[in-house]
PDB file of N, CA and C in Angstrom:
ATOM      1  N   MET A   1     115.561  68.596  63.461  1.00  0.00           N
ATOM      2  CA  MET A   1     115.890  69.984  63.853  1.00  0.00           C
ATOM      3  C   MET A   1     115.466  70.204  65.163  1.00  0.00           C
ATOM      4  N   PRO A   2     114.412  69.881  65.746  1.00  0.00           N
ATOM      5  CA  PRO A   2     113.974  70.032  67.111  1.00  0.00           C
ATOM      6  C   PRO A   2     114.867  69.399  68.093  1.00  0.00           C
ATOM      7  N   LYS A   3     115.550  68.156  67.793  1.00  0.00           N
ATOM      8  CA  LYS A   3     116.290  67.645  68.788  1.00  0.00           C
ATOM      9  C   LYS A   3     117.659  68.396  68.814  1.00  0.00           C
ATOM     10  N   LYS A   4     118.113  68.899  67.753  1.00  0.00           N
ATOM     11  CA  LYS A   4     119.386  69.894  67.666  1.00  0.00           C
ATOM     12  C   LYS A   4     119.081  71.170  68.448  1.00  0.00           C
ATOM     13  N   LEU A   5     117.813  71.676  68.184  1.00  0.00           N
ATOM     14  CA  LEU A   5     117.504  72.949  69.055  1.00  0.00           C
ATOM     15  C   LEU A   5     117.444  72.647  70.533  1.00  0.00           C
ATOM     16  N   LEU A   6     116.895  71.600  70.980  1.00  0.00           N
ATOM     17  CA  LEU A   6     116.838  71.091  72.364  1.00  0.00           C
ATOM     18  C   LEU A   6     118.369  70.982  72.988  1.00  0.00           C
ATOM     19  N   PHE A   7     119.161  70.185  72.210  1.00  0.00           N
ATOM     20  CA  PHE A   7     120.473  70.098  72.605  1.00  0.00           C
ATOM     21  C   PHE A   7     121.222  71.401  72.838  1.00  0.00           C
ATOM     22  N   VAL A   8     121.046  72.232  71.948  1.00  0.00           N
ATOM     23  CA  VAL A   8     121.692  73.587  72.135  1.00  0.00           C
ATOM     24  C   VAL A   8     120.869  74.378  73.360  1.00  0.00           C
ATOM     25  N   HIS A   9     119.678  74.386  73.509  1.00  0.00           N
ATOM     26  CA  HIS A   9     119.237  75.022  74.797  1.00  0.00           C
ATOM     27  C   HIS A   9     119.719  74.331  76.017  1.00  0.00           C
ATOM     28  N   LEU A  10     119.678  73.037  76.107  1.00  0.00           N
ATOM     29  CA  LEU A  10     120.281  72.230  77.242  1.00  0.00           C
ATOM     30  C   LEU A  10     121.830  72.765  77.508  1.00  0.00           C
ATOM     31  N   PHE A  11     122.633  72.711  76.289  1.00  0.00           N
ATOM     32  CA  PHE A  11     124.181  72.984  76.442  1.00  0.00           C
ATOM     33  C   PHE A  11     124.220  74.357  76.977  1.00  0.00           C
ATOM     34  N   PHE A  12     123.608  75.205  76.623  1.00  0.00           N
ATOM     35  CA  PHE A  12     123.894  76.718  77.113  1.00  0.00           C
ATOM     36  C   PHE A  12     122.854  77.120  78.299  1.00  0.00           C
ATOM     37  N   LEU A  13     121.826  76.597  78.679  1.00  0.00           N
ATOM     38  CA  LEU A  13     121.117  76.890  79.826  1.00  0.00           C
ATOM     39  C   LEU A  13     121.470  76.290  80.892  1.00  0.00           C
ATOM     40  N   LEU A  14     121.704  74.989  80.828  1.00  0.00           N
ATOM     41  CA  LEU A  14     121.734  74.113  82.013  1.00  0.00           C
ATOM     42  C   LEU A  14     123.047  74.606  82.939  1.00  0.00           C
ATOM     43  N   PRO A  15     124.275  74.821  82.265  1.00  0.00           N
ATOM     44  CA  PRO A  15     125.371  75.612  83.023  1.00  0.00           C
ATOM     45  C   PRO A  15     124.976  76.774  83.684  1.00  0.00           C
ATOM     46  N   MET A  16     123.976  77.768  83.020  1.00  0.00           N
ATOM     47  CA  MET A  16     123.747  78.890  83.658  1.00  0.00           C
ATOM     48  C   MET A  16     123.014  78.827  84.834  1.00  0.00           C
ATOM     49  N   SER A  17     121.828  77.805  84.941  1.00  0.00           N
ATOM     50  CA  SER A  17     121.110  77.337  86.104  1.00  0.00           C
ATOM     51  C   SER A  17     121.808  76.790  87.086  1.00  0.00           C
ATOM     52  N   LEU A  18     123.023  76.157  86.827  1.00  0.00           N
ATOM     53  CA  LEU A  18     123.787  75.427  87.931  1.00  0.00           C
ATOM     54  C   LEU A  18     124.661  76.433  88.544  1.00  0.00           C
ATOM     55  N   GLN A  19     124.902  77.538  88.163  1.00  0.00           N
ATOM     56  CA  GLN A  19     125.746  78.468  88.505  1.00  0.00           C
ATOM     57  C   GLN A  19     125.438  78.913  89.998  1.00  0.00           C
ATOM     58  N   ASP A  20     124.179  78.901  90.573  1.00  0.00           N
ATOM     59  CA  ASP A  20     123.781  79.368  91.793  1.00  0.00           C
ATOM     60  C   ASP A  20     123.846  77.981  92.779  1.00  0.00           C
ATOM     61  N   VAL A  21     123.972  76.898  92.182  1.00  0.00           N
ATOM     62  CA  VAL A  21     123.758  75.666  93.032  1.00  0.00           C
ATOM     63  C   VAL A  21     124.747  75.551  94.225  1.00  0.00           C
ATOM     64  N   ASP A  22     126.076  76.265  93.909  1.00  0.00           N
ATOM     65  CA  ASP A  22     126.922  76.061  95.011  1.00  0.00           C
ATOM     66  C   ASP A  22     126.758  77.362  96.013  1.00  0.00           C
ATOM     67  N   LEU A  23     125.852  78.179  95.691  1.00  0.00           N
ATOM     68  CA  LEU A  23     125.807  79.492  96.762  1.00  0.00           C
ATOM     69  C   LEU A  23     125.295  79.000  98.041  1.00  0.00           C
ATOM     70  N   GLN A  24     125.874  79.427  99.131  1.00  0.00           N
ATOM     71  CA  GLN A  24     125.721  79.036 100.579  1.00  0.00           C
ATOM     72  C   GLN A  24     125.246  80.405 101.179  1.00  0.00           C
ATOM     73  N   GLN A  25     123.974  80.226 101.883  1.00  0.00           N
ATOM     74  CA  GLN A  25     123.576  81.545 102.654  1.00  0.00           C
ATOM     75  C   GLN A  25     124.176  81.561 104.095  1.00  0.00           C
ATOM     76  N   HIS A  26     124.567  82.666 104.459  1.00  0.00           N
ATOM     77  CA  HIS A  26     124.989  82.864 105.840  1.00  0.00           C
ATOM     78  C   HIS A  26     124.076  83.989 106.372  1.00  0.00           C
ATOM     79  N   VAL A  27     123.614  83.677 107.578  1.00  0.00           N
ATOM     80  CA  VAL A  27     122.756  84.837 108.223  1.00  0.00           C
ATOM     81  C   VAL A  27     123.659  85.284 109.394  1.00  0.00           C
ATOM     82  N   LEU A  28     124.370  86.488 109.090  1.00  0.00           N
ATOM     83  CA  LEU A  28     125.454  86.814 110.003  1.00  0.00           C
ATOM     84  C   LEU A  28     124.911  87.573 111.291  1.00  0.00           C
ATOM     85  N   ARG A  29     123.688  88.273 110.955  1.00  0.00           N
ATOM     86  CA  ARG A  29     123.120  88.960 112.271  1.00  0.00           C
ATOM     87  C   ARG A  29     121.405  88.944 111.958  1.00  0.00           C
ATOM     88  N   LYS A  30     121.082  88.798 113.174  1.00  0.00           N
ATOM     89  CA  LYS A  30     119.649  88.824 113.327  1.00  0.00           C
ATOM     90  C   LYS A  30     118.795  89.767 114.159  1.00  0.00           C
ATOM     91  N   TRP A  31     117.762  90.034 113.842  1.00  0.00           N
ATOM     92  CA  TRP A  31     117.015  91.096 114.793  1.00  0.00           C
ATOM     93  C   TRP A  31     116.624  90.355 115.914  1.00  0.00           C
ATOM     94  N   PRO A  32     116.331  91.018 117.190  1.00  0.00           N
ATOM     95  CA  PRO A  32     115.824  90.468 118.601  1.00  0.00           C
ATOM     96  C   PRO A  32     114.834  89.302 118.210  1.00  0.00           C
ATOM     97  N   ASP A  33     113.798  89.562 117.386  1.00  0.00           N
ATOM     98  CA  ASP A  33     112.784  88.638 117.067  1.00  0.00           C
ATOM     99  C   ASP A  33     113.375  87.353 116.384  1.00  0.00           C
ATOM    100  N   GLY A  34     114.461  87.341 116.014  1.00  0.00           N
ATOM    101  CA  GLY A  34     115.161  86.025 115.140  1.00  0.00           C
ATOM    102  C   GLY A  34     114.957  86.152 113.739  1.00  0.00           C
ATOM    103  N   LYS A  35     114.359  87.472 113.086  1.00  0.00           N
ATOM    104  CA  LYS A  35     114.459  87.561 111.690  1.00  0.00           C
ATOM    105  C   LYS A  35     115.828  87.892 111.105  1.00  0.00           C
ATOM    106  N   PRO A  36     116.213  87.416 109.911  1.00  0.00           N
ATOM    107  CA  PRO A  36     117.240  87.839 109.450  1.00  0.00           C
ATOM    108  C   PRO A  36     117.519  89.479 109.419  1.00  0.00           C
ATOM    109  N   TYR A  37     118.835  89.807 109.700  1.00  0.00           N
ATOM    110  CA  TYR A  37     119.215  91.409 109.493  1.00  0.00           C
ATOM    111  C   TYR A  37     120.028  91.479 108.338  1.00  0.00           C
ATOM    112  N   VAL A  38     121.370  90.777 108.471  1.00  0.00           N
ATOM    113  CA  VAL A  38     122.369  90.803 107.347  1.00  0.00           C
ATOM    114  C   VAL A  38     122.499  89.360 106.936  1.00  0.00           C
ATOM    115  N   VAL A  39     122.225  89.206 105.703  1.00  0.00           N
ATOM    116  CA  VAL A  39     122.506  87.731 104.895  1.00  0.00           C
ATOM    117  C   VAL A  39     123.506  88.045 103.845  1.00  0.00           C
ATOM    118  N   VAL A  40     124.485  86.976 103.849  1.00  0.00           N
ATOM    119  CA  VAL A  40     125.472  87.119 102.705  1.00  0.00           C
ATOM    120  C   VAL A  40     125.371  85.731 101.997  1.00  0.00           C
ATOM    121  N   TYR A  41     125.676  85.391 100.896  1.00  0.00           N
ATOM    122  CA  TYR A  41     125.673  84.291 100.077  1.00  0.00           C
ATOM    123  C   TYR A  41     127.260  84.373  99.606  1.00  0.00           C
ATOM    124  N   THR A  42     127.769  83.001  99.955  1.00  0.00           N
ATOM    125  CA  THR A  42     129.185  82.834  99.217  1.00  0.00           C
ATOM    126  C   THR A  42     128.916  81.809  98.282  1.00  0.00           C
ATOM    127  N   SER A  43     130.255  81.605  97.430  1.00  0.00           N
ATOM    128  CA  SER A  43     130.532  80.541  96.640  1.00  0.00           C
ATOM    129  C   SER A  43     131.757  79.991  96.427  1.00  0.00           C
ATOM    130  N   GLY A  44     131.823  78.742  96.022  1.00  0.00           N
ATOM    131  CA  GLY A  44     133.028  77.977  95.816  1.00  0.00           C
ATOM    132  C   GLY A  44     133.892  77.698  97.034  1.00  0.00           C
ATOM    133  N   PRO A  45     135.128  76.891  96.967  1.00  0.00           N
ATOM    134  CA  PRO A  45     135.693  76.479  98.023  1.00  0.00           C
ATOM    135  C   PRO A  45     136.206  77.445  99.129  1.00  0.00           C
ATOM    136  N   ASP A  46     136.519  78.714  98.330  1.00  0.00           N
ATOM    137  CA  ASP A  46     137.098  79.749  99.350  1.00  0.00           C
ATOM    138  C   ASP A  46     135.946  80.592  99.982  1.00  0.00           C
ATOM    139  N   GLN A  47     134.680  80.131  99.644  1.00  0.00           N
ATOM    140  CA  GLN A  47     133.656  80.942 100.359  1.00  0.00           C
ATOM    141  C   GLN A  47     133.768  82.380 100.029  1.00  0.00           C
ATOM    142  N   VAL A  48     133.598  82.773  98.479  1.00  0.00           N
ATOM    143  CA  VAL A  48     133.874  84.102  98.325  1.00  0.00           C
ATOM    144  C   VAL A  48     132.622  84.684  98.295  1.00  0.00           C
ATOM    145  N   LYS A  49     132.324  85.845  98.961  1.00  0.00           N
ATOM    146  CA  LYS A  49     131.048  86.576  99.027  1.00  0.00           C
ATOM    147  C   LYS A  49     130.631  87.220  97.578  1.00  0.00           C
ATOM    148  N   VAL A  50     129.456  86.697  97.177  1.00  0.00           N
ATOM    149  CA  VAL A  50     128.865  87.039  95.906  1.00  0.00           C
ATOM    150  C   VAL A  50     127.665  87.939  95.870  1.00  0.00           C
ATOM    151  N   LYS A  51     126.869  87.787  97.038  1.00  0.00           N
ATOM    152  CA  LYS A  51     125.702  88.625  97.214  1.00  0.00           C
ATOM    153  C   LYS A  51     125.393  88.951  98.598  1.00  0.00           C
ATOM    154  N   GLU A  52     124.660  90.056  98.888  1.00  0.00           N
ATOM    155  CA  GLU A  52     124.634  90.677 100.175  1.00  0.00           C
ATOM    156  C   GLU A  52     123.263  91.092 100.257  1.00  0.00           C
ATOM    157  N   GLU A  53     122.560  90.873 101.337  1.00  0.00           N
ATOM    158  CA  GLU A  53     121.134  91.341 101.736  1.00  0.00           C
ATOM    159  C   GLU A  53     121.081  92.102 102.944  1.00  0.00           C
ATOM    160  N   LEU A  54     120.376  92.985 103.184  1.00  0.00           N
ATOM    161  CA  LEU A  54     120.141  93.589 104.456  1.00  0.00           C
ATOM    162  C   LEU A  54     118.625  93.769 104.552  1.00  0.00           C
ATOM    163  N   TYR A  55     118.015  93.414 105.909  1.00  0.00           N
ATOM    164  CA  TYR A  55     116.680  93.627 106.085  1.00  0.00           C
ATOM    165  C   TYR A  55     116.188  94.665 107.162  1.00  0.00           C
ATOM    166  N   TYR A  56     115.207  95.248 106.991  1.00  0.00           N
ATOM    167  CA  TYR A  56     114.478  96.087 108.182  1.00  0.00           C
ATOM    168  C   TYR A  56     113.925  95.066 109.143  1.00  0.00           C
ATOM    169  N   ASP A  57     113.624  95.709 110.316  1.00  0.00           N
ATOM    170  CA  ASP A  57     113.388  94.918 111.259  1.00  0.00           C
ATOM    171  C   ASP A  57     111.939  94.254 111.080  1.00  0.00           C
ATOM    172  N   ASN A  58     111.028  94.865 110.107  1.00  0.00           N
ATOM    173  CA  ASN A  58     109.870  94.559 109.791  1.00  0.00           C
ATOM    174  C   ASN A  58     109.742  93.182 108.972  1.00  0.00           C
ATOM    175  N   GLY A  59     110.972  92.923 108.388  1.00  0.00           N
ATOM    176  CA  GLY A  59     111.171  91.763 107.523  1.00  0.00           C
ATOM    177  C   GLY A  59     111.232  92.301 106.146  1.00  0.00           C
ATOM    178  N   GLN A  60     111.316  93.604 105.941  1.00  0.00           N
ATOM    179  CA  GLN A  60     111.151  93.929 104.305  1.00  0.00           C
ATOM    180  C   GLN A  60     112.713  93.934 104.088  1.00  0.00           C
ATOM    181  N   LEU A  61     113.027  93.882 102.796  1.00  0.00           N
ATOM    182  CA  LEU A  61     114.315  93.932 102.292  1.00  0.00           C
ATOM    183  C   LEU A  61     114.727  95.379 102.295  1.00  0.00           C
ATOM    184  N   ASP A  62     115.884  95.734 102.817  1.00  0.00           N
ATOM    185  CA  ASP A  62     116.436  96.943 102.647  1.00  0.00           C
ATOM    186  C   ASP A  62     117.352  97.196 101.571  1.00  0.00           C
ATOM    187  N   TYR A  63     118.159  96.267 101.069  1.00  0.00           N
ATOM    188  CA  TYR A  63     118.838  96.338 100.141  1.00  0.00           C
ATOM    189  C   TYR A  63     119.390  94.993  99.522  1.00  0.00           C
ATOM    190  N   SER A  64     119.750  94.821  98.264  1.00  0.00           N
ATOM    191  CA  SER A  64     120.397  93.519  97.861  1.00  0.00           C
ATOM    192  C   SER A  64     121.331  94.105  96.724  1.00  0.00           C
ATOM    193  N   GLY A  65     122.545  93.258  96.705  1.00  0.00           N
ATOM    194  CA  GLY A  65     123.497  93.405  95.546  1.00  0.00           C
ATOM    195  C   GLY A  65     124.450  92.302  95.536  1.00  0.00           C
ATOM    196  N   SER A  66     125.172  92.368  94.588  1.00  0.00           N
ATOM    197  CA  SER A  66     126.124  91.418  93.979  1.00  0.00           C
ATOM    198  C   SER A  66     127.668  91.990  94.114  1.00  0.00           C
ATOM    199  N   TYR A  67     128.583  90.835  94.206  1.00  0.00           N
ATOM    200  CA  TYR A  67     129.892  91.164  94.330  1.00  0.00           C
ATOM    201  C   TYR A  67     130.542  90.424  93.203  1.00  0.00           C
ATOM    202  N   LEU A  68     131.544  91.000  92.604  1.00  0.00           N
ATOM    203  CA  LEU A  68     132.678  90.196  91.804  1.00  0.00           C
ATOM    204  C   LEU A  68     133.911  90.468  92.285  1.00  0.00           C
ATOM    205  N   ASN A  69     134.731  89.557  92.636  1.00  0.00           N
ATOM    206  CA  ASN A  69     136.163  89.762  93.294  1.00  0.00           C
ATOM    207  C   ASN A  69     136.057  90.689  94.285  1.00  0.00           C
ATOM    208  N   GLY A  70     135.053  90.698  95.321  1.00  0.00           N
ATOM    209  CA  GLY A  70     135.048  91.630  96.307  1.00  0.00           C
ATOM    210  C   GLY A  70     134.579  92.887  96.271  1.00  0.00           C
ATOM    211  N   LYS A  71     134.411  93.278  95.058  1.00  0.00           N
ATOM    212  CA  LYS A  71     133.552  94.646  94.524  1.00  0.00           C
ATOM    213  C   LYS A  71     132.173  94.677  94.251  1.00  0.00           C
ATOM    214  N   GLU A  72     131.696  95.666  94.407  1.00  0.00           N
ATOM    215  CA  GLU A  72     130.146  95.638  94.073  1.00  0.00           C
ATOM    216  C   GLU A  72     130.117  95.449  92.496  1.00  0.00           C
ATOM    217  N   HIS A  73     129.146  94.755  91.873  1.00  0.00           N
ATOM    218  CA  HIS A  73     129.095  94.458  90.402  1.00  0.00           C
ATOM    219  C   HIS A  73     127.551  94.006  90.247  1.00  0.00           C
ATOM    220  N   GLY A  74     127.130  94.690  89.002  1.00  0.00           N
ATOM    221  CA  GLY A  74     125.788  94.359  88.634  1.00  0.00           C
ATOM    222  C   GLY A  74     124.786  95.393  89.358  1.00  0.00           C
ATOM    223  N   GLU A  75     123.477  94.923  89.480  1.00  0.00           N
ATOM    224  CA  GLU A  75     122.491  95.778  89.949  1.00  0.00           C
ATOM    225  C   GLU A  75     122.461  95.592  91.465  1.00  0.00           C
ATOM    226  N   TRP A  76     122.249  96.856  92.095  1.00  0.00           N
ATOM    227  CA  TRP A  76     121.905  96.993  93.528  1.00  0.00           C
ATOM    228  C   TRP A  76     120.832  97.684  93.645  1.00  0.00           C
ATOM    229  N   LYS A  77     119.648  97.047  94.401  1.00  0.00           N
ATOM    230  CA  LYS A  77     118.595  97.541  94.727  1.00  0.00           C
ATOM    231  C   LYS A  77     118.339  97.983  96.269  1.00  0.00           C
ATOM    232  N   TYR A  78     117.791  99.099  96.343  1.00  0.00           N
ATOM    233  CA  TYR A  78     117.433  99.639  97.665  1.00  0.00           C
ATOM    234  C   TYR A  78     116.019  99.849  97.994  1.00  0.00           C
ATOM    235  N   TYR A  79     115.360  99.602  98.950  1.00  0.00           N
ATOM    236  CA  TYR A  79     114.052  99.777  99.305  1.00  0.00           C
ATOM    237  C   TYR A  79     113.660 100.652 100.358  1.00  0.00           C
ATOM    238  N   TRP A  80     112.253 101.097 100.243  1.00  0.00           N
ATOM    239  CA  TRP A  80     111.890 101.968 101.528  1.00  0.00           C
ATOM    240  C   TRP A  80     111.276 100.784 102.493  1.00  0.00           C
ATOM    241  N   GLU A  81     111.140 101.299 103.684  1.00  0.00           N
ATOM    242  CA  GLU A  81     110.716  99.944 104.848  1.00  0.00           C
ATOM    243  C   GLU A  81     109.253  99.738 104.378  1.00  0.00           C
ATOM    244  N   ASN A  82     108.761 100.611 103.380  1.00  0.00           N
ATOM    245  CA  ASN A  82     107.160 100.181 103.081  1.00  0.00           C
ATOM    246  C   ASN A  82     107.290  98.955 101.911  1.00  0.00           C
ATOM    247  N   GLY A  83     108.486  98.815 101.382  1.00  0.00           N
ATOM    248  CA  GLY A  83     108.651  97.837 100.338  1.00  0.00           C
ATOM    249  C   GLY A  83     108.763  98.235  99.014  1.00  0.00           C
ATOM    250  N   ASN A  84     108.645  99.656  98.939  1.00  0.00           N
ATOM    251  CA  ASN A  84     108.618 100.180  97.670  1.00  0.00           C
ATOM    252  C   ASN A  84     110.177 100.363  97.194  1.00  0.00           C
ATOM    253  N   ILE A  85     110.476 100.512  95.921  1.00  0.00           N
ATOM    254  CA  ILE A  85     111.848 100.647  95.503  1.00  0.00           C
ATOM    255  C   ILE A  85     112.245 102.126  96.081  1.00  0.00           C
ATOM    256  N   LYS A  86     113.599 102.184  96.307  1.00  0.00           N
ATOM    257  CA  LYS A  86     114.148 103.451  96.927  1.00  0.00           C
ATOM    258  C   LYS A  86     115.311 103.910  95.829  1.00  0.00           C
ATOM    259  N   SER A  87     116.045 103.021  95.390  1.00  0.00           N
ATOM    260  CA  SER A  87     117.045 103.404  94.408  1.00  0.00           C
ATOM    261  C   SER A  87     117.460 102.028  93.691  1.00  0.00           C
ATOM    262  N   ILE A  88     117.821 102.369  92.349  1.00  0.00           N
ATOM    263  CA  ILE A  88     118.408 101.179  91.696  1.00  0.00           C
ATOM    264  C   ILE A  88     119.869 101.774  91.351  1.00  0.00           C
ATOM    265  N   GLU A  89     120.958 100.999  91.448  1.00  0.00           N
ATOM    266  CA  GLU A  89     122.246 101.307  91.079  1.00  0.00           C
ATOM    267  C   GLU A  89     122.954 100.058  90.385  1.00  0.00           C
ATOM    268  N   TYR A  90     123.933 100.383  89.430  1.00  0.00           N
ATOM    269  CA  TYR A  90     124.579  99.743  88.557  1.00  0.00           C
ATOM    270  C   TYR A  90     126.166  99.800  89.038  1.00  0.00           C
ATOM    271  N   TYR A  91     126.706  98.735  89.167  1.00  0.00           N
ATOM    272  CA  TYR A  91     128.138  98.814  89.313  1.00  0.00           C
ATOM    273  C   TYR A  91     128.988  97.674  88.376  1.00  0.00           C
ATOM    274  N   GLU A  92     130.134  98.109  87.967  1.00  0.00           N
ATOM    275  CA  GLU A  92     130.915  97.279  87.233  1.00  0.00           C
ATOM    276  C   GLU A  92     132.394  97.257  87.970  1.00  0.00           C
ATOM    277  N   ARG A  93     132.711  96.204  88.633  1.00  0.00           N
ATOM    278  CA  ARG A  93     133.830  95.924  89.506  1.00  0.00           C
ATOM    279  C   ARG A  93     134.074  97.158  90.348  1.00  0.00           C
ATOM    280  N   GLY A  94     133.107  97.466  91.171  1.00  0.00           N
ATOM    281  CA  GLY A  94     133.074  98.515  92.145  1.00  0.00           C
ATOM    282  C   GLY A  94     133.040  99.806  91.780  1.00  0.00           C
ATOM    283  N   LEU A  95     132.784 100.275  90.560  1.00  0.00           N
ATOM    284  CA  LEU A  95     132.596 101.545  89.934  1.00  0.00           C
ATOM    285  C   LEU A  95     131.422 101.712  89.648  1.00  0.00           C
ATOM    286  N   GLU A  96     130.592 102.819  89.902  1.00  0.00           N
ATOM    287  CA  GLU A  96     129.263 103.063  89.373  1.00  0.00           C
ATOM    288  C   GLU A  96     129.282 103.022  87.890  1.00  0.00           C
ATOM    289  N   ASN A  97     128.297 102.576  87.221  1.00  0.00           N
ATOM    290  CA  ASN A  97     128.271 102.428  85.748  1.00  0.00           C
ATOM    291  C   ASN A  97     126.831 102.331  85.303  1.00  0.00           C
ATOM    292  N   GLY A  98     126.407 103.240  84.403  1.00  0.00           N
ATOM    293  CA  GLY A  98     125.134 103.240  83.854  1.00  0.00           C
ATOM    294  C   GLY A  98     124.164 103.993  84.559  1.00  0.00           C
ATOM    295  N   THR A  99     122.830 104.110  83.872  1.00  0.00           N
ATOM    296  CA  THR A  99     121.765 105.133  84.426  1.00  0.00           C
ATOM    297  C   THR A  99     121.049 104.472  85.688  1.00  0.00           C
ATOM    298  N   MET A 100     121.117 105.343  86.830  1.00  0.00           N
ATOM    299  CA  MET A 100     120.585 104.923  88.127  1.00  0.00           C
ATOM    300  C   MET A 100     119.336 106.074  88.417  1.00  0.00           C
ATOM    301  N   TYR A 101     118.608 105.422  89.482  1.00  0.00           N
ATOM    302  CA  TYR A 101     117.566 106.260  89.727  1.00  0.00           C
ATOM    303  C   TYR A 101     117.145 106.023  91.275  1.00  0.00           C
ATOM    304  N   ASP A 102     116.783 107.220  91.634  1.00  0.00           N
ATOM    305  CA  ASP A 102     116.110 107.326  93.169  1.00  0.00           C
ATOM    306  C   ASP A 102     114.786 107.521  92.959  1.00  0.00           C
ATOM    307  N   TYR A 103     114.058 106.933  94.035  1.00  0.00           N
ATOM    308  CA  TYR A 103     112.603 106.950  93.916  1.00  0.00           C
ATOM    309  C   TYR A 103     112.079 107.706  95.427  1.00  0.00           C
ATOM    310  N   ASN A 104     110.957 108.280  95.200  1.00  0.00           N
ATOM    311  CA  ASN A 104     110.081 108.631  96.587  1.00  0.00           C
ATOM    312  C   ASN A 104     109.526 107.348  97.147  1.00  0.00           C
ATOM    313  N   GLU A 105     109.010 107.554  98.200  1.00  0.00           N
ATOM    314  CA  GLU A 105     108.276 106.580  99.309  1.00  0.00           C
ATOM    315  C   GLU A 105     107.091 105.992  98.429  1.00  0.00           C
ATOM    316  N   ASN A 106     106.619 106.664  97.554  1.00  0.00           N
ATOM    317  CA  ASN A 106     105.424 106.000  96.627  1.00  0.00           C
ATOM    318  C   ASN A 106     106.052 105.263  95.443  1.00  0.00           C
ATOM    319  N   GLY A 107     107.344 105.046  95.330  1.00  0.00           N
ATOM    320  CA  GLY A 107     107.888 104.309  94.127  1.00  0.00           C
ATOM    321  C   GLY A 107     107.806 105.197  92.886  1.00  0.00           C
ATOM    322  N   GLN A 108     107.834 106.573  92.974  1.00  0.00           N
ATOM    323  CA  GLN A 108     107.918 107.089  91.725  1.00  0.00           C
ATOM    324  C   GLN A 108     109.433 107.841  91.506  1.00  0.00           C
ATOM    325  N   PRO A 109     110.032 107.729  90.420  1.00  0.00           N
ATOM    326  CA  PRO A 109     111.437 108.096  90.157  1.00  0.00           C
ATOM    327  C   PRO A 109     111.521 109.606  90.308  1.00  0.00           C
ATOM    328  N   ILE A 110     112.393 109.945  91.185  1.00  0.00           N
ATOM    329  CA  ILE A 110     112.518 111.498  91.378  1.00  0.00           C
ATOM    330  C   ILE A 110     113.778 111.984  91.044  1.00  0.00           C
ATOM    331  N   VAL A 111     114.899 111.143  90.730  1.00  0.00           N
ATOM    332  CA  VAL A 111     116.242 111.603  90.186  1.00  0.00           C
ATOM    333  C   VAL A 111     116.842 110.557  89.381  1.00  0.00           C
ATOM    334  N   GLU A 112     117.370 111.108  88.204  1.00  0.00           N
ATOM    335  CA  GLU A 112     118.324 110.174  87.284  1.00  0.00           C
ATOM    336  C   GLU A 112     119.619 110.396  87.373  1.00  0.00           C
ATOM    337  N   TYR A 113     120.466 109.725  87.615  1.00  0.00           N
ATOM    338  CA  TYR A 113     121.864 109.763  87.549  1.00  0.00           C
ATOM    339  C   TYR A 113     122.473 108.811  86.304  1.00  0.00           C
ATOM    340  N   LYS A 114     123.705 109.529  85.509  1.00  0.00           N
ATOM    341  CA  LYS A 114     124.385 108.634  84.650  1.00  0.00           C
ATOM    342  C   LYS A 114     125.782 108.683  85.134  1.00  0.00           C
ATOM    343  N   TYR A 115     126.376 107.519  85.213  1.00  0.00           N
ATOM    344  CA  TYR A 115     127.590 107.230  85.561  1.00  0.00           C
ATOM    345  C   TYR A 115     128.420 106.676  84.388  1.00  0.00           C
ATOM    346  N   VAL A 116     129.693 106.861  84.316  1.00  0.00           N
ATOM    347  CA  VAL A 116     130.636 106.050  83.370  1.00  0.00           C
ATOM    348  C   VAL A 116     131.883 105.781  84.147  1.00  0.00           C
ATOM    349  N   ARG A 117     132.207 104.436  84.608  1.00  0.00           N
ATOM    350  CA  ARG A 117     133.454 104.244  85.146  1.00  0.00           C
ATOM    351  C   ARG A 117     133.550 104.829  86.421  1.00  0.00           C
ATOM    352  N   GLY A 118     132.562 105.108  87.114  1.00  0.00           N
ATOM    353  CA  GLY A 118     132.696 105.885  88.400  1.00  0.00           C
ATOM    354  C   GLY A 118     132.644 107.357  88.428  1.00  0.00           C
ATOM    355  N   GLN A 119     132.531 108.060  87.319  1.00  0.00           N
ATOM    356  CA  GLN A 119     132.209 109.344  87.179  1.00  0.00           C
ATOM    357  C   GLN A 119     130.880 109.679  86.905  1.00  0.00           C
ATOM    358  N   LEU A 120     130.388 110.783  87.668  1.00  0.00           N
ATOM    359  CA  LEU A 120     128.960 111.185  87.385  1.00  0.00           C
ATOM    360  C   LEU A 120     129.045 112.095  86.261  1.00  0.00           C
ATOM    361  N   ILE A 121     128.178 111.732  85.362  1.00  0.00           N
ATOM    362  CA  ILE A 121     128.043 112.369  84.040  1.00  0.00           C
ATOM    363  C   ILE A 121     127.028 113.415  84.037  1.00  0.00           C
ATOM    364  N   SER A 122     125.772 112.966  84.438  1.00  0.00           N
ATOM    365  CA  SER A 122     124.630 113.716  84.674  1.00  0.00           C
ATOM    366  C   SER A 122     123.795 113.312  85.847  1.00  0.00           C
ATOM    367  N   GLU A 123     122.928 114.543  86.309  1.00  0.00           N
ATOM    368  CA  GLU A 123     122.002 114.289  87.301  1.00  0.00           C
ATOM    369  C   GLU A 123     120.866 114.981  86.724  1.00  0.00           C
ATOM    370  N   LYS A 124     119.701 114.400  86.759  1.00  0.00           N
ATOM    371  CA  LYS A 124     118.286 115.112  86.340  1.00  0.00           C
ATOM    372  C   LYS A 124     117.512 114.824  87.260  1.00  0.00           C
ATOM    373  N   LYS A 125     116.816 116.028  87.752  1.00  0.00           N
ATOM    374  CA  LYS A 125     115.631 115.795  88.679  1.00  0.00           C
ATOM    375  C   LYS A 125     114.417 115.393  87.886  1.00  0.00           C
ATOM    376  N   LEU A 126     113.599 114.651  88.353  1.00  0.00           N
ATOM    377  CA  LEU A 126     112.494 114.147  87.590  1.00  0.00           C
ATOM    378  C   LEU A 126     111.120 114.578  88.459  1.00  0.00           C
ATOM    379  N   LYS A 127     110.013 114.800  87.600  1.00  0.00           N
ATOM    380  CA  LYS A 127     108.667 115.187  88.236  1.00  0.00           C
ATOM    381  C   LYS A 127     107.972 113.919  88.762  1.00  0.00           C
ATOM    382  N   PRO A 128     107.784 113.703  90.003  1.00  0.00           N
ATOM    383  CA  PRO A 128     106.943 112.345  90.314  1.00  0.00           C
ATOM    384  C   PRO A 128     105.726 112.459  89.789  1.00  0.00           C
TER     385      PRO A 128
END
């Protein structure tokens, strides 16, 4: 039984871990001091953009998000210059979809948004 379980784990988990193997990082722009400013990750023979990152001049991540077929897809995170989370957004094939949040500079949630297929359903102010 344990051998069978190990095989099942390897069969399903190994391909998932290899998905990122062919990712190539491209630093498109740099700050004057040489730190990355705009970084994209591409995949496959056609070098399709699958992820994008933008950095502040202090080296902190400004935002990071993924693409599917050239459109925003999955979780996108934005950060304040101090490194705290600024907002979390979710996309499905380029359309906002799901519950998203904006945060103050201290990292406390201040607004909650709910989207369904690109349509804003509700917006609620939160107390920090």
